[in-house]
C-alpha atoms as a PDB file:
ATOM      1  CA  MET A   1      -0.430  -3.800  -8.381  1.00  0.00           C
ATOM      2  CA  THR A   2       0.017  -7.446  -9.210  1.00  0.00           C
ATOM      3  CA  ALA A   3      -2.647 -10.078  -9.549  1.00  0.00           C
ATOM      4  CA  ALA A   4      -1.600 -13.645 -10.189  1.00  0.00           C
ATOM      5  CA  GLY A   5      -3.607 -16.740 -10.965  1.00  0.00           C
ATOM      6  CA  ASP A   6      -2.540 -18.348  -7.669  1.00  0.00           C
ATOM      7  CA  GLY A   7      -4.739 -16.041  -5.581  1.00  0.00           C
ATOM      8  CA  THR A   8      -2.049 -13.491  -4.772  1.00  0.00           C
ATOM      9  CA  TYR A   9      -2.758  -9.763  -5.010  1.00  0.00           C
ATOM     10  CA  LEU A  10      -0.043  -7.228  -4.221  1.00  0.00           C
ATOM     11  CA  GLU A  11      -0.337  -3.444  -4.173  1.00  0.00           C
ATOM     12  CA  PRO A  12       2.937  -1.772  -3.114  1.00  0.00           C
ATOM     13  CA  GLY A  13       2.541   0.903  -0.469  1.00  0.00           C
ATOM     14  CA  GLY A  14       5.110   3.249  -1.941  1.00  0.00           C
ATOM     15  CA  SER A  15       7.641   3.815  -4.689  1.00  0.00           C
ATOM     16  CA  TRP A  16      11.383   4.458  -4.826  1.00  0.00           C
ATOM     17  CA  ARG A  17      10.794   7.187  -7.437  1.00  0.00           C
ATOM     18  CA  SER A  18      11.163  10.064  -4.964  1.00  0.00           C
ATOM     19  CA  ILE A  19      14.618   8.964  -3.807  1.00  0.00           C
ATOM     20  CA  TRP A  20      15.796   8.839  -7.430  1.00  0.00           C
ATOM     21  CA  LEU A  21      14.392  12.317  -8.099  1.00  0.00           C
ATOM     22  CA  VAL A  22      16.115  13.754  -5.026  1.00  0.00           C
ATOM     23  CA  ALA A  23      19.392  12.041  -5.958  1.00  0.00           C
ATOM     24  CA  ALA A  24      19.167  13.525  -9.465  1.00  0.00           C
ATOM     25  CA  ALA A  25      18.491  17.007  -8.032  1.00  0.00           C
ATOM     26  CA  LEU A  26      21.500  16.692  -5.721  1.00  0.00           C
ATOM     27  CA  ALA A  27      23.662  15.604  -8.655  1.00  0.00           C
ATOM     28  CA  VAL A  28      22.570  18.675 -10.651  1.00  0.00           C
ATOM     29  CA  LEU A  29      23.386  20.937  -7.700  1.00  0.00           C
ATOM     30  CA  LEU A  30      26.791  19.286  -7.321  1.00  0.00           C
ATOM     31  CA  VAL A  31      27.581  19.828 -11.019  1.00  0.00           C
ATOM     32  CA  LEU A  32      26.426  23.454 -10.805  1.00  0.00           C
ATOM     33  CA  ASP A  33      28.669  23.946  -7.763  1.00  0.00           C
ATOM     34  CA  ALA A  34      31.647  22.595  -9.687  1.00  0.00           C
ATOM     35  CA  VAL A  35      30.936  24.524 -12.915  1.00  0.00           C
ATOM     36  CA  LEU A  36      29.867  27.959 -11.648  1.00  0.00           C
ATOM     37  CA  PRO A  37      32.555  30.450 -10.625  1.00  0.00           C
ATOM     38  CA  GLY A  38      33.045  31.403  -7.004  1.00  0.00           C
ATOM     39  CA  PRO A  39      33.913  29.483  -3.872  1.00  0.00           C
ATOM     40  CA  ASP A  40      33.009  25.792  -3.917  1.00  0.00           C
ATOM     41  CA  VAL A  41      31.066  24.076  -1.146  1.00  0.00           C
ATOM     42  CA  PRO A  42      33.431  21.749   0.752  1.00  0.00           C
ATOM     43  CA  ALA A  43      33.203  18.057  -0.191  1.00  0.00           C
ATOM     44  CA  LEU A  44      32.580  17.040   3.417  1.00  0.00           C
ATOM     45  CA  LEU A  45      29.517  19.309   3.514  1.00  0.00           C
ATOM     46  CA  TRP A  46      28.216  17.808   0.252  1.00  0.00           C
ATOM     47  CA  MET A  47      28.621  14.280   1.646  1.00  0.00           C
ATOM     48  CA  LEU A  48      26.939  15.154   4.943  1.00  0.00           C
ATOM     49  CA  PHE A  49      24.057  16.993   3.237  1.00  0.00           C
ATOM     50  CA  GLY A  50      23.622  14.211   0.657  1.00  0.00           C
ATOM     51  CA  ALA A  51      23.589  11.483   3.305  1.00  0.00           C
ATOM     52  CA  LEU A  52      21.070  13.327   5.479  1.00  0.00           C
ATOM     53  CA  VAL A  53      18.708  14.212   2.639  1.00  0.00           C
ATOM     54  CA  LEU A  54      18.883  10.847   0.861  1.00  0.00           C
ATOM     55  CA  GLY A  55      18.659   8.996   4.179  1.00  0.00           C
ATOM     56  CA  GLY A  56      15.514  10.892   5.161  1.00  0.00           C
ATOM     57  CA  VAL A  57      13.835  10.386   1.797  1.00  0.00           C
ATOM     58  CA  GLY A  58      14.895   6.721   1.740  1.00  0.00           C
ATOM     59  CA  ALA A  59      13.453   6.156   5.227  1.00  0.00           C
ATOM     60  CA  GLY A  60      10.158   7.675   4.072  1.00  0.00           C
ATOM     61  CA  CYS A  61      10.046   5.450   0.982  1.00  0.00           C
ATOM     62  CA  LEU A  62      10.851   2.315   2.970  1.00  0.00           C
ATOM     63  CA  SER A  63       8.312   3.038   5.697  1.00  0.00           C
ATOM     64  CA  ALA A  64       5.556   3.703   3.130  1.00  0.00           C
ATOM     65  CA  ARG A  65       6.323   0.378   1.452  1.00  0.00           C
ATOM     66  CA  ARG A  66       6.219  -1.490   4.762  1.00  0.00           C
ATOM     67  CA  ILE A  67       3.192   0.210   6.298  1.00  0.00           C
ATOM     68  CA  TRP A  68       0.825   0.622   3.330  1.00  0.00           C
ATOM     69  CA  THR A  69       1.498  -2.456   1.165  1.00  0.00           C
ATOM     70  CA  VAL A  70      -1.775  -4.339   0.572  1.00  0.00           C
ATOM     71  CA  ARG A  71      -1.624  -8.093  -0.015  1.00  0.00           C
ATOM     72  CA  VAL A  72      -4.220 -10.835  -0.485  1.00  0.00           C
ATOM     73  CA  ASP A  73      -2.696 -14.306  -0.149  1.00  0.00           C
ATOM     74  CA  GLY A  74      -4.166 -17.760  -0.511  1.00  0.00           C
ATOM     75  CA  ARG A  75      -7.580 -19.073  -1.371  1.00  0.00           C
ATOM     76  CA  GLY A  76     -10.393 -20.528   0.674  1.00  0.00           C
ATOM     77  CA  GLU A  77      -9.939 -21.003   4.431  1.00  0.00           C
ATOM     78  CA  ASP A  78      -6.241 -19.993   4.341  1.00  0.00           C
ATOM     79  CA  ALA A  79      -6.824 -16.687   2.540  1.00  0.00           C
ATOM     80  CA  ALA A  80      -5.878 -13.469   4.328  1.00  0.00           C
ATOM     81  CA  LEU A  81      -5.708  -9.724   3.702  1.00  0.00           C
ATOM     82  CA  THR A  82      -2.560  -8.020   4.985  1.00  0.00           C
ATOM     83  CA  VAL A  83      -1.899  -4.281   5.221  1.00  0.00           C
ATOM     84  CA  GLY A  84       1.429  -3.533   6.874  1.00  0.00           C
ATOM     85  CA  ARG A  85       1.433  -5.451  10.166  1.00  0.00           C
ATOM     86  CA  ASP A  86      -2.350  -5.936  10.230  1.00  0.00           C
ATOM     87  CA  ARG A  87      -3.632  -9.300   9.014  1.00  0.00           C
ATOM     88  CA  VAL A  88      -7.311 -10.190   8.592  1.00  0.00           C
ATOM     89  CA  PRO A  89      -8.296 -13.755   7.641  1.00  0.00           C
ATOM     90  CA  LEU A  90     -10.829 -13.544   4.822  1.00  0.00           C
ATOM     91  CA  ALA A  91     -13.015 -16.052   6.679  1.00  0.00           C
ATOM     92  CA  GLU A  92     -13.706 -13.143   9.094  1.00  0.00           C
ATOM     93  CA  VAL A  93     -14.777 -10.771   6.270  1.00  0.00           C
ATOM     94  CA  ASP A  94     -18.476 -10.390   5.408  1.00  0.00           C
ATOM     95  CA  ALA A  95     -18.501 -11.063   1.647  1.00  0.00           C
ATOM     96  CA  ALA A  96     -22.152 -10.024   1.307  1.00  0.00           C
ATOM     97  CA  HIS A  97     -21.329  -6.570   2.710  1.00  0.00           C
ATOM     98  CA  LEU A  98     -18.424  -6.231   0.273  1.00  0.00           C
ATOM     99  CA  ARG A  99     -20.730  -7.101  -2.619  1.00  0.00           C
ATOM    100  CA  GLY A 100     -23.101  -4.429  -1.259  1.00  0.00           C
ATOM    101  CA  VAL A 101     -20.248  -1.907  -1.331  1.00  0.00           C
ATOM    102  CA  VAL A 102     -19.705  -2.710  -5.014  1.00  0.00           C
ATOM    103  CA  ALA A 103     -23.429  -2.356  -5.684  1.00  0.00           C
ATOM    104  CA  GLY A 104     -23.557   0.924  -3.762  1.00  0.00           C
ATOM    105  CA  THR A 105     -26.001  -0.328  -1.124  1.00  0.00           C
ATOM    106  CA  ALA A 106     -23.499  -0.625   1.770  1.00  0.00           C
ATOM    107  CA  GLY A 107     -20.858   1.645   3.192  1.00  0.00           C
ATOM    108  CA  VAL A 108     -18.659   2.278   6.201  1.00  0.00           C
ATOM    109  CA  ASP A 109     -19.402   3.191   9.793  1.00  0.00           C
ATOM    110  CA  ALA A 110     -18.147   6.538  11.079  1.00  0.00           C
ATOM    111  CA  GLY A 111     -14.854   6.170  12.913  1.00  0.00           C
ATOM    112  CA  ALA A 112     -13.862   2.914  11.238  1.00  0.00           C
ATOM    113  CA  ALA A 113     -10.266   1.871  11.890  1.00  0.00           C
ATOM    114  CA  VAL A 114      -7.755   2.062   9.018  1.00  0.00           C
ATOM    115  CA  LEU A 115      -5.852  -1.156   8.399  1.00  0.00           C
ATOM    116  CA  GLY A 116      -2.124  -0.553   8.617  1.00  0.00           C
ATOM    117  CA  GLY A 117      -2.607   2.115  11.278  1.00  0.00           C
ATOM    118  CA  GLY A 118      -2.921   5.863  11.121  1.00  0.00           C
ATOM    119  CA  TRP A 119      -5.749   8.286  11.739  1.00  0.00           C
ATOM    120  CA  SER A 120      -6.963   8.425   8.167  1.00  0.00           C
ATOM    121  CA  VAL A 121      -6.471   6.872   4.759  1.00  0.00           C
ATOM    122  CA  PRO A 122      -3.163   8.047   3.226  1.00  0.00           C
ATOM    123  CA  LYS A 123      -3.135  10.648   0.477  1.00  0.00           C
ATOM    124  CA  GLY A 124      -3.755   9.187  -2.979  1.00  0.00           C
ATOM    125  CA  ARG A 125      -5.663   6.181  -1.682  1.00  0.00           C
ATOM    126  CA  THR A 126      -9.315   5.280  -1.209  1.00  0.00           C
ATOM    127  CA  GLY A 127     -10.676   3.527   1.857  1.00  0.00           C
ATOM    128  CA  LEU A 128     -12.373   0.283   0.828  1.00  0.00           C
ATOM    129  CA  PRO A 129     -14.896  -0.560   3.589  1.00  0.00           C
ATOM    130  CA  LEU A 130     -14.782  -4.114   4.931  1.00  0.00           C
ATOM    131  CA  LYS A 131     -17.166  -5.470   7.530  1.00  0.00           C
ATOM    132  CA  ARG A 132     -15.945  -8.301   9.704  1.00  0.00           C
ATOM    133  CA  THR A 133     -18.261 -11.097  10.791  1.00  0.00           C
ATOM    134  CA  ASP A 134     -18.166  -9.683  14.352  1.00  0.00           C
ATOM    135  CA  GLY A 135     -19.681  -6.399  13.062  1.00  0.00           C
ATOM    136  CA  GLN A 136     -16.516  -4.252  13.154  1.00  0.00           C
ATOM    137  CA  THR A 137     -15.967  -2.095  10.059  1.00  0.00           C
ATOM    138  CA  LEU A 138     -12.456  -1.488   8.700  1.00  0.00           C
ATOM    139  CA  LEU A 139     -11.055   0.690   5.925  1.00  0.00           C
ATOM    140  CA  VAL A 140      -8.471  -0.799   3.578  1.00  0.00           C
ATOM    141  CA  PRO A 141      -6.260   1.892   1.974  1.00  0.00           C
ATOM    142  CA  THR A 142      -6.010   1.120  -1.731  1.00  0.00           C
ATOM    143  CA  ARG A 143      -5.296   2.874  -4.996  1.00  0.00           C
ATOM    144  CA  VAL A 144      -7.371   0.392  -7.014  1.00  0.00           C
ATOM    145  CA  PRO A 145     -10.497  -0.508  -5.021  1.00  0.00           C
ATOM    146  CA  ARG A 146     -12.139  -2.466  -7.851  1.00  0.00           C
ATOM    147  CA  ALA A 147      -9.151  -4.807  -8.326  1.00  0.00           C
ATOM    148  CA  LEU A 148      -8.748  -5.314  -4.574  1.00  0.00           C
ATOM    149  CA  THR A 149     -12.460  -6.078  -4.205  1.00  0.00           C
ATOM    150  CA  GLU A 150     -12.255  -8.660  -6.997  1.00  0.00           C
ATOM    151  CA  ALA A 151      -9.169 -10.247  -5.402  1.00  0.00           C
ATOM    152  CA  ILE A 152     -10.828 -10.443  -1.967  1.00  0.00           C
ATOM    153  CA  LEU A 153     -14.045 -11.928  -3.356  1.00  0.00           C
ATOM    154  CA  ALA A 154     -12.124 -14.417  -5.525  1.00  0.00           C
ATOM    155  CA  ALA A 155     -10.039 -15.622  -2.567  1.00  0.00           C
ATOM    156  CA  HIS A 156     -12.888 -15.555   0.012  1.00  0.00           C
ATOM    157  CA  PRO A 157     -13.842 -18.957   1.498  1.00  0.00           C
ATOM    158  CA  ALA A 158     -17.539 -18.352   0.691  1.00  0.00           C
ATOM    159  CA  THR A 159     -16.733 -18.058  -3.020  1.00  0.00           C
ATOM    160  CA  PRO A 160     -16.839 -21.375  -4.885  1.00  0.00           C
ATOM    161  CA  GLN A 161     -13.265 -22.199  -5.876  1.00  0.00           C
ATOM    162  CA  VAL A 162     -12.639 -23.291  -9.454  1.00  0.00           C
ATOM    163  CA  GLU A 163      -9.900 -25.881  -9.778  1.00  0.00           C
ATOM    164  CA  GLN A 164      -7.346 -25.035 -12.442  1.00  0.00           C
ATOM    165  CA  GLY A 165      -6.656 -27.950 -14.762  1.00  0.00           C
ATOM    166  CA  ASP A 166      -3.522 -28.739 -16.732  1.00  0.00           C
END
């Protein structure tokens, strides 16, 4: 998660950690194959297996980063919330409802759509309820709902903008 003074908030949707862990496990297995007595697994099989496994894990990491990355860009009328391919201008977000969510007096409608797609909020994330000005309720998948709420409210057009001086 990154929050900058220019109104940008970025929460990556995934990590490359799993591909590094799988690569390390494959390296250990390759060393064990070379060190232990008995017939060795052919090099072509190692390359094919390694490419398939690392390719599958890499595709999963990349898709998670593209689909579930949460971003708040801009301030005022140009501000927008983006999750994957879904983009919601913050001018269409009900800031009073979001403040009610923080206070515990507002919530989410049953069957609310998840920004970014999918049937439900991904594992390890919380659905932050947003109400649009047209009455539609959305869930934003986030790991840090408090920071995302602060970023949305700070960038929202209804929030008085403080000019930063030199």
